[in-house]
Structure formats: structure tokens, C-alpha cells
Amino acid sequence: MNSLGDIPTLPSKAGAYRWFYADVTAGPYSAVCIFMLGSLFSPRYSVAARRGGRPMEHSAVNFALYHEGVRRLWVLSEYPHAEVESAGRLRIGRSTLTYGEGGTVRMDVEDWTAPWGRPVSARLTLQPLTPVGEVVRLMPELPHYWQALAPRARARLEVSSLGVKAEGLGYHDTNHGEELLGERLAGWHWARTHREDATTVVDYHLPDGVAPLRMTACEQSVRCERGPGPRTQPTVITGWGLRVPSRLQAGNVEVGQARLLESSPFYARMEARKGALDCMGEVADFRRFHSPFIRWMAHFRTRLGTAA
């Protein structure tokens, strides 16, 4: 089984970005952690990138903890730089992403909630159960890429600041691109589903009539292919006017009604569970994010940090 190695090359060009995403489902808990270079949630980078601002000057850590679908913690802290401390270790503020022996992924979050500054100490540990997926170009001719690094993993969630310890399944990927999201790639929605047959499926739905991507991962392989064409899904409109799926599914297998974990004018995070089926999904409208009003609102969900 091929496994994770070094931290990939980090972005340097104005407008470029890379983030490392992980989620864990463990009993009644769900958690999402994202380490971002050229933060997609940063209203400051939205402006600065057009004036030559560099992605490493707008690095961020996002951590969210949910209990039975209700948010318990929200961390979104932006920092003026990030540091690759060693080949397999990235630091942003006091938080670190580490690739260890045997492909182990560890995200240690030492930060504060936004905007009130409550201290948070959390750790996500993932032991991959599948190989690493290939790098995939999301849209023809556009410089935006996605790679599933640990599509299915044994996972442990620890939030010592709340006394939480739980074990379950995890997922880890990375996205990167050479231009601002929203410049030409308007948005997307995607969902990952852990299934009872020891496989994990990710469906990526893209704009402009582009055929969706599907990744299927199991112990022996990770396969990624384009579907025959966009598939119509039932949708609803959130209170912020964002159109999101009303139900989450993996291919033709319906998991259930989408429960909103996060809702904003440009972004929504959803979850659905049915027995052994577990689905986490996101919808993003990046063009909406770049509007001055929504950028102004985003300041209230973000905490500005200083170098550790």
C-alpha cells in the first residue's frame, strides 16, 4: 500500500492556494479540521491576492466540533505565515499537521475559538486503510486540483479542552490551485460517504455542465473516474439563499436528509447518517464570497493570530 510521504509543495504565487482537509466521525461526534495556505475563508486574501499578496501571508487553521449535529466548537484563525518544520510537518500558529510512519496523519490544534478567544486543544489521528489517490484536475483547462490522501482511515478524536475522546472513521484530502477560487471556477459541491462494505465514495459535482467526478476507495485501490454527465439532485435554498442538496447520497445509494452543520451566504457543510452509512458534504459558491458585503461578514467568523 503506497502511503503519505512529505508535505507537498506549498503555494507561492499571488492567488494560489493549498489546503489540507480532514474529517472524523466518531459516535455522536463529528469533527472537521483544515490547514489552509491562501485561506479560502479569508476576506483579506480575497483583496490582497489581486494586489500581489502571497498565500503564505494568509495561512489559517479551521477546526469545528459537532455533537449530534450541533456545533460545539469553531476555530478559524488566520496567521501571517506558515512553516514547514521538516519534510513531513507543517506548522501554522501553534497548530501542526504531521505525516508520520506508516502513513499516519496527525492534526494537532492549539488555538482559540473565533471570535471570543476560548482556548481549544484538539487532536485528530488517522491511520489510512486505503492507498493514496491520484492528483485530479477538477475542471478542464483550469488550474485547480484535488487529491484524496487517506480516503478511509481508522480515526481517533481527542478534544482535551472538552474532555472528548472517541474513535471512528476518518477522511483526508488536499486541494490546490494557481488562481483564486471564484475567478473562473465558480464553485462546487461534494460529498464523501463511508459505506458498510469497507469502501468510501466521494462525489464531486462541478459547474458549467462538467461531468461529475467519483472516487471509490477500498483496501486494495483508489479509483477515480468521470461520470456520464451532471446528475439532477433535489435541492433546497438555505436562509442565506444558497442552494444545497436536500438529501445526501453516494451514487444511487441515498444516505438521508442533509442536516446543516454550517450555513453561510457562500458555504454550507452538511451531514447525513443511516446505519453504517456516514456522509459529510460541502457546498461552496466562491464568487459569492468575493462580494464586499460577504467579505465584511466573514471578518466576524475569523480570529487574527500572531506568529507563535
Protein backbone atom coordinates (compact mmCIF):
# COMPACT_ATOMS: atom_id res chain seq x y z
CA MET A 1 0.00 0.00 0.00
CA ASN A 2 1.51 3.34 -1.02
CA SER A 3 1.37 5.87 1.79
CA LEU A 4 1.83 9.53 2.55
CA GLY A 5 5.32 10.97 2.50
CA ASP A 6 6.40 14.61 2.62
CA ILE A 7 4.27 17.72 2.83
CA PRO A 8 3.55 18.71 -0.81
CA THR A 9 4.97 21.90 -2.28
CA LEU A 10 3.26 24.94 -0.76
CA PRO A 11 1.86 27.77 -2.92
CA SER A 12 3.81 30.98 -3.57
CA LYS A 13 2.03 32.78 -6.43
CA ALA A 14 -0.50 35.51 -5.66
CA GLY A 15 -3.98 33.98 -5.81
CA ALA A 16 -2.70 30.42 -5.39
CA TYR A 17 -3.80 28.21 -2.52
CA ARG A 18 -3.48 24.79 -0.94
CA TRP A 19 -5.38 23.28 1.92
CA PHE A 20 -5.30 20.01 3.83
CA TYR A 21 -8.72 18.78 4.94
CA ALA A 22 -9.68 16.00 7.36
CA ASP A 23 -12.91 14.89 8.93
CA VAL A 24 -13.69 12.32 11.61
CA THR A 25 -16.96 10.64 12.51
CA ALA A 26 -16.81 9.05 15.95
CA GLY A 27 -20.01 8.00 17.71
CA PRO A 28 -22.15 11.10 18.35
CA TYR A 29 -19.27 13.38 17.35
CA SER A 30 -18.15 14.78 14.02
CA ALA A 31 -15.12 17.00 13.52
CA VAL A 32 -13.55 18.83 10.59
CA CYS A 33 -10.03 20.27 10.52
CA ILE A 34 -8.45 22.28 7.67
CA PHE A 35 -4.94 23.71 7.40
CA MET A 36 -5.00 26.44 4.73
CA LEU A 37 -2.32 28.32 2.77
CA GLY A 38 -4.07 31.11 0.88
CA SER A 39 -7.16 30.69 3.03
CA LEU A 40 -10.39 30.25 1.09
CA PHE A 41 -12.21 31.73 4.12
CA SER A 42 -10.02 34.87 4.27
CA PRO A 43 -11.64 38.18 3.29
CA ARG A 44 -8.16 39.70 3.48
CA TYR A 45 -6.67 37.28 0.95
CA SER A 46 -9.62 37.90 -1.38
CA VAL A 47 -8.46 41.53 -1.63
CA ALA A 48 -4.69 41.14 -1.18
CA ALA A 49 -4.26 38.44 -3.86
CA ARG A 50 -5.35 40.89 -6.55
CA ARG A 51 -2.60 43.27 -5.39
CA GLY A 52 0.18 40.67 -5.29
CA GLY A 53 -0.45 39.33 -1.77
CA ARG A 54 1.08 35.89 -1.20
CA PRO A 55 -0.83 32.84 0.04
CA MET A 56 1.60 32.09 2.87
CA GLU A 57 0.78 35.52 4.32
CA HIS A 58 -2.82 34.34 4.74
CA SER A 59 -2.50 30.92 6.35
CA ALA A 60 -5.27 29.64 8.56
CA VAL A 61 -6.44 26.82 10.83
CA ASN A 62 -10.09 25.80 10.91
CA PHE A 63 -11.44 23.28 13.42
CA ALA A 64 -15.09 22.51 14.08
CA LEU A 65 -16.56 20.01 16.54
CA TYR A 66 -20.17 18.83 16.37
CA HIS A 67 -22.16 16.71 18.80
CA GLU A 68 -25.25 15.06 17.31
CA GLY A 69 -25.27 17.66 14.54
CA VAL A 70 -24.88 20.72 16.80
CA ARG A 71 -21.69 22.78 16.71
CA ARG A 72 -19.73 22.76 19.98
CA LEU A 73 -16.52 24.50 18.85
CA TRP A 74 -15.48 26.75 15.97
CA VAL A 75 -11.87 27.76 15.37
CA LEU A 76 -10.87 29.89 12.37
CA SER A 77 -7.60 31.70 12.96
CA GLU A 78 -5.57 33.45 10.26
CA TYR A 79 -1.79 33.87 10.55
CA PRO A 80 0.80 35.92 8.64
CA HIS A 81 2.89 32.89 7.71
CA ALA A 82 3.25 29.12 7.89
CA GLU A 83 6.36 26.99 8.26
CA VAL A 84 7.39 23.56 7.01
CA GLU A 85 9.37 22.44 10.06
CA SER A 86 10.51 19.19 8.45
CA ALA A 87 9.69 17.17 5.34
CA GLY A 88 6.55 15.76 6.97
CA ARG A 89 5.49 18.54 9.35
CA LEU A 90 3.63 21.82 8.72
CA ARG A 91 3.05 24.46 11.40
CA ILE A 92 0.51 27.29 11.36
CA GLY A 93 0.49 29.30 14.57
CA ARG A 94 0.75 26.73 17.38
CA SER A 95 -1.03 24.02 15.38
CA THR A 96 0.68 21.30 13.36
CA LEU A 97 -0.02 18.78 10.61
CA THR A 98 2.32 15.77 10.74
CA TYR A 99 2.76 12.83 8.38
CA GLY A 100 4.35 10.02 10.37
CA GLU A 101 5.50 6.44 9.98
CA GLY A 102 3.14 4.05 8.23
CA GLY A 103 1.22 6.94 6.68
CA THR A 104 -0.24 8.17 9.98
CA VAL A 105 -1.81 11.63 9.74
CA ARG A 106 -1.96 13.80 12.86
CA MET A 107 -3.52 17.22 13.18
CA ASP A 108 -2.83 18.98 16.47
CA VAL A 109 -4.87 22.13 17.04
CA GLU A 110 -3.72 24.54 19.74
CA ASP A 111 -5.71 27.69 19.18
CA TRP A 112 -8.70 29.78 20.27
CA THR A 113 -12.30 29.96 19.17
CA ALA A 114 -13.47 32.75 16.89
CA PRO A 115 -14.38 35.39 17.69
CA TRP A 116 -14.36 35.08 21.51
CA GLY A 117 -10.95 33.51 22.12
CA ARG A 118 -11.80 30.42 24.18
CA PRO A 119 -8.75 28.08 24.26
CA VAL A 120 -9.01 24.86 22.24
CA SER A 121 -6.73 21.83 22.37
CA ALA A 122 -7.63 19.05 19.93
CA ARG A 123 -6.02 16.19 18.03
CA LEU A 124 -7.17 14.13 15.04
CA THR A 125 -5.17 10.97 14.35
CA LEU A 126 -5.80 8.97 11.17
CA GLN A 127 -4.34 5.59 10.22
CA PRO A 128 -5.07 5.05 6.50
CA LEU A 129 -6.93 1.92 5.41
CA THR A 130 -6.53 2.62 1.67
CA PRO A 131 -3.79 3.73 -0.73
CA VAL A 132 -3.27 7.37 -1.73
CA GLY A 133 -5.38 8.58 -4.65
CA GLU A 134 -4.06 10.26 -7.79
CA VAL A 135 -3.98 14.04 -8.34
CA VAL A 136 -7.07 15.02 -10.34
CA ARG A 137 -7.72 18.22 -12.31
CA LEU A 138 -11.21 19.31 -11.30
CA MET A 139 -12.11 21.35 -14.40
CA PRO A 140 -10.70 21.04 -17.93
CA GLU A 141 -8.18 23.79 -18.70
CA LEU A 142 -8.41 25.32 -15.22
CA PRO A 143 -5.54 25.06 -12.67
CA HIS A 144 -7.47 23.55 -9.74
CA TYR A 145 -6.60 20.09 -8.37
CA TRP A 146 -7.76 17.60 -5.76
CA GLN A 147 -6.16 14.51 -4.26
CA ALA A 148 -7.57 12.03 -1.76
CA LEU A 149 -4.64 11.30 0.58
CA ALA A 150 -6.36 8.97 3.05
CA PRO A 151 -9.89 8.36 1.75
CA ARG A 152 -10.73 5.92 4.53
CA ALA A 153 -8.88 5.69 7.84
CA ARG A 154 -9.18 4.49 11.40
CA ALA A 155 -9.50 7.67 13.39
CA ARG A 156 -9.20 8.94 16.91
CA LEU A 157 -10.64 12.28 18.03
CA GLU A 158 -9.38 13.95 21.19
CA VAL A 159 -10.51 17.36 22.40
CA SER A 160 -8.83 17.68 25.76
CA SER A 161 -10.26 21.15 26.36
CA LEU A 162 -13.72 19.48 26.50
CA GLY A 163 -12.71 16.02 27.74
CA VAL A 164 -13.74 14.34 24.47
CA LYS A 165 -12.15 11.05 23.39
CA ALA A 166 -13.76 8.97 20.65
CA GLU A 167 -12.82 6.57 17.84
CA GLY A 168 -14.35 6.09 14.41
CA LEU A 169 -13.62 6.64 10.73
CA GLY A 170 -11.65 9.45 9.11
CA TYR A 171 -11.00 11.02 5.71
CA HIS A 172 -8.12 13.23 4.48
CA ASP A 173 -7.52 15.11 1.22
CA THR A 174 -5.81 18.15 -0.26
CA ASN A 175 -6.87 20.78 -2.80
CA HIS A 176 -4.58 23.22 -4.56
CA GLY A 177 -4.75 25.76 -7.36
CA GLU A 178 -2.85 28.51 -9.13
CA GLU A 179 -5.55 31.19 -9.13
CA LEU A 180 -8.23 32.47 -6.77
CA LEU A 181 -11.28 30.30 -6.46
CA GLY A 182 -14.15 32.28 -7.91
CA GLU A 183 -12.08 33.83 -10.71
CA ARG A 184 -13.07 31.16 -13.24
CA LEU A 185 -14.16 28.22 -11.10
CA ALA A 186 -17.44 29.44 -9.62
CA GLY A 187 -17.90 26.72 -7.01
CA TRP A 188 -18.75 23.08 -6.42
CA HIS A 189 -20.42 20.67 -4.09
CA TRP A 190 -19.03 17.36 -2.98
CA ALA A 191 -19.78 14.58 -0.52
CA ARG A 192 -17.86 11.67 0.92
CA THR A 193 -19.63 8.55 2.14
CA HIS A 194 -18.16 5.79 4.29
CA ARG A 195 -20.09 2.63 3.40
CA GLU A 196 -20.70 -0.59 5.29
CA ASP A 197 -18.75 -2.64 2.69
CA ALA A 198 -15.41 -1.09 3.82
CA THR A 199 -15.35 1.33 0.88
CA THR A 200 -15.50 5.11 0.78
CA VAL A 201 -17.03 7.04 -2.11
CA VAL A 202 -16.50 10.73 -2.95
CA ASP A 203 -18.74 12.50 -5.48
CA TYR A 204 -17.57 15.90 -6.80
CA HIS A 205 -20.23 17.96 -8.62
CA LEU A 206 -18.82 20.76 -10.79
CA PRO A 207 -20.34 23.75 -12.62
CA ASP A 208 -20.71 24.60 -16.33
CA GLY A 209 -22.02 21.18 -17.34
CA VAL A 210 -18.76 19.40 -16.45
CA ALA A 211 -19.24 15.70 -15.72
CA PRO A 212 -19.02 14.86 -12.01
CA LEU A 213 -16.05 13.04 -10.53
CA ARG A 214 -16.39 9.88 -8.49
CA MET A 215 -13.68 8.34 -6.35
CA THR A 216 -14.11 4.86 -4.87
CA ALA A 217 -11.55 3.70 -2.31
CA CYS A 218 -11.05 0.30 -0.72
CA GLU A 219 -8.17 -1.55 0.92
CA GLN A 220 -6.58 -2.53 -2.41
CA SER A 221 -7.15 0.51 -4.62
CA VAL A 222 -8.41 4.05 -5.18
CA ARG A 223 -10.27 4.60 -8.46
CA CYS A 224 -11.31 7.99 -9.81
CA GLU A 225 -13.45 8.49 -12.94
CA ARG A 226 -15.77 10.98 -14.60
CA GLY A 227 -19.46 10.24 -14.64
CA PRO A 228 -21.58 10.31 -17.80
CA GLY A 229 -22.88 13.78 -17.02
CA PRO A 230 -24.28 16.01 -14.27
CA ARG A 231 -26.98 14.27 -12.22
CA THR A 232 -30.02 16.19 -11.07
CA GLN A 233 -30.41 16.21 -7.29
CA PRO A 234 -33.29 17.57 -5.20
CA THR A 235 -32.25 20.84 -3.59
CA VAL A 236 -33.45 23.42 -1.10
CA ILE A 237 -32.46 27.03 -0.54
CA THR A 238 -30.96 27.93 2.84
CA GLY A 239 -31.85 31.03 4.83
CA TRP A 240 -28.79 32.68 3.24
CA GLY A 241 -30.09 31.96 -0.27
CA LEU A 242 -27.54 29.22 -1.04
CA ARG A 243 -28.88 26.23 -2.98
CA VAL A 244 -27.85 22.93 -1.32
CA PRO A 245 -28.82 19.25 -1.72
CA SER A 246 -31.85 18.33 0.36
CA ARG A 247 -30.58 14.74 0.69
CA LEU A 248 -27.10 13.26 0.60
CA GLN A 249 -26.25 10.18 -1.40
CA ALA A 250 -23.35 8.12 -2.75
CA GLY A 251 -24.15 7.25 -6.35
CA ASN A 252 -27.60 5.66 -6.31
CA VAL A 253 -27.46 4.92 -2.59
CA GLU A 254 -29.33 7.53 -0.59
CA VAL A 255 -27.99 8.18 2.89
CA GLY A 256 -30.69 10.53 4.08
CA GLN A 257 -31.83 14.08 4.71
CA ALA A 258 -28.97 16.56 4.81
CA ARG A 259 -28.52 18.13 8.23
CA LEU A 260 -26.86 21.56 8.07
CA LEU A 261 -23.80 21.78 10.28
CA GLU A 262 -22.67 25.17 8.93
CA SER A 263 -24.62 27.68 6.88
CA SER A 264 -23.40 30.97 5.42
CA PRO A 265 -24.06 33.07 2.30
CA PHE A 266 -21.35 31.24 0.30
CA TYR A 267 -20.68 27.97 2.13
CA ALA A 268 -22.61 25.12 3.73
CA ARG A 269 -21.46 21.94 5.47
CA MET A 270 -23.90 19.03 5.75
CA GLU A 271 -24.08 15.58 7.31
CA ALA A 272 -26.32 12.54 6.98
CA ARG A 273 -26.17 9.12 8.64
CA LYS A 274 -28.17 5.92 8.19
CA GLY A 275 -26.98 2.82 9.99
CA ALA A 276 -23.38 2.17 8.92
CA LEU A 277 -23.62 4.79 6.16
CA ASP A 278 -21.99 8.10 7.03
CA CYS A 279 -21.93 11.09 4.68
CA MET A 280 -20.29 14.52 5.00
CA GLY A 281 -20.79 17.12 2.29
CA GLU A 282 -19.99 20.73 1.42
CA VAL A 283 -21.35 23.35 -0.98
CA ALA A 284 -19.26 26.39 -1.91
CA ASP A 285 -20.08 29.41 -4.08
CA PHE A 286 -16.73 31.19 -4.34
CA ARG A 287 -18.00 34.06 -6.49
CA ARG A 288 -20.43 34.99 -3.74
CA PHE A 289 -17.57 35.08 -1.24
CA HIS A 290 -15.74 37.81 -3.15
CA SER A 291 -18.63 40.28 -2.85
CA PRO A 292 -17.74 43.17 -0.48
CA PHE A 293 -20.73 42.52 1.81
CA ILE A 294 -19.93 38.83 2.32
CA ARG A 295 -16.23 39.60 2.81
CA TRP A 296 -17.27 42.06 5.53
CA MET A 297 -19.41 39.40 7.21
CA ALA A 298 -16.55 36.86 7.09
CA HIS A 299 -14.47 39.02 9.42
CA PHE A 300 -16.80 38.10 12.28
CA ARG A 301 -16.12 34.36 11.88
CA THR A 302 -12.32 34.78 11.84
CA ARG A 303 -9.76 35.44 14.51
CA LEU A 304 -6.45 37.12 13.59
CA GLY A 305 -3.50 35.36 15.20
CA THR A 306 0.15 36.29 15.57
CA ALA A 307 3.22 34.15 14.99
CA ALA A 308 3.74 31.52 17.69
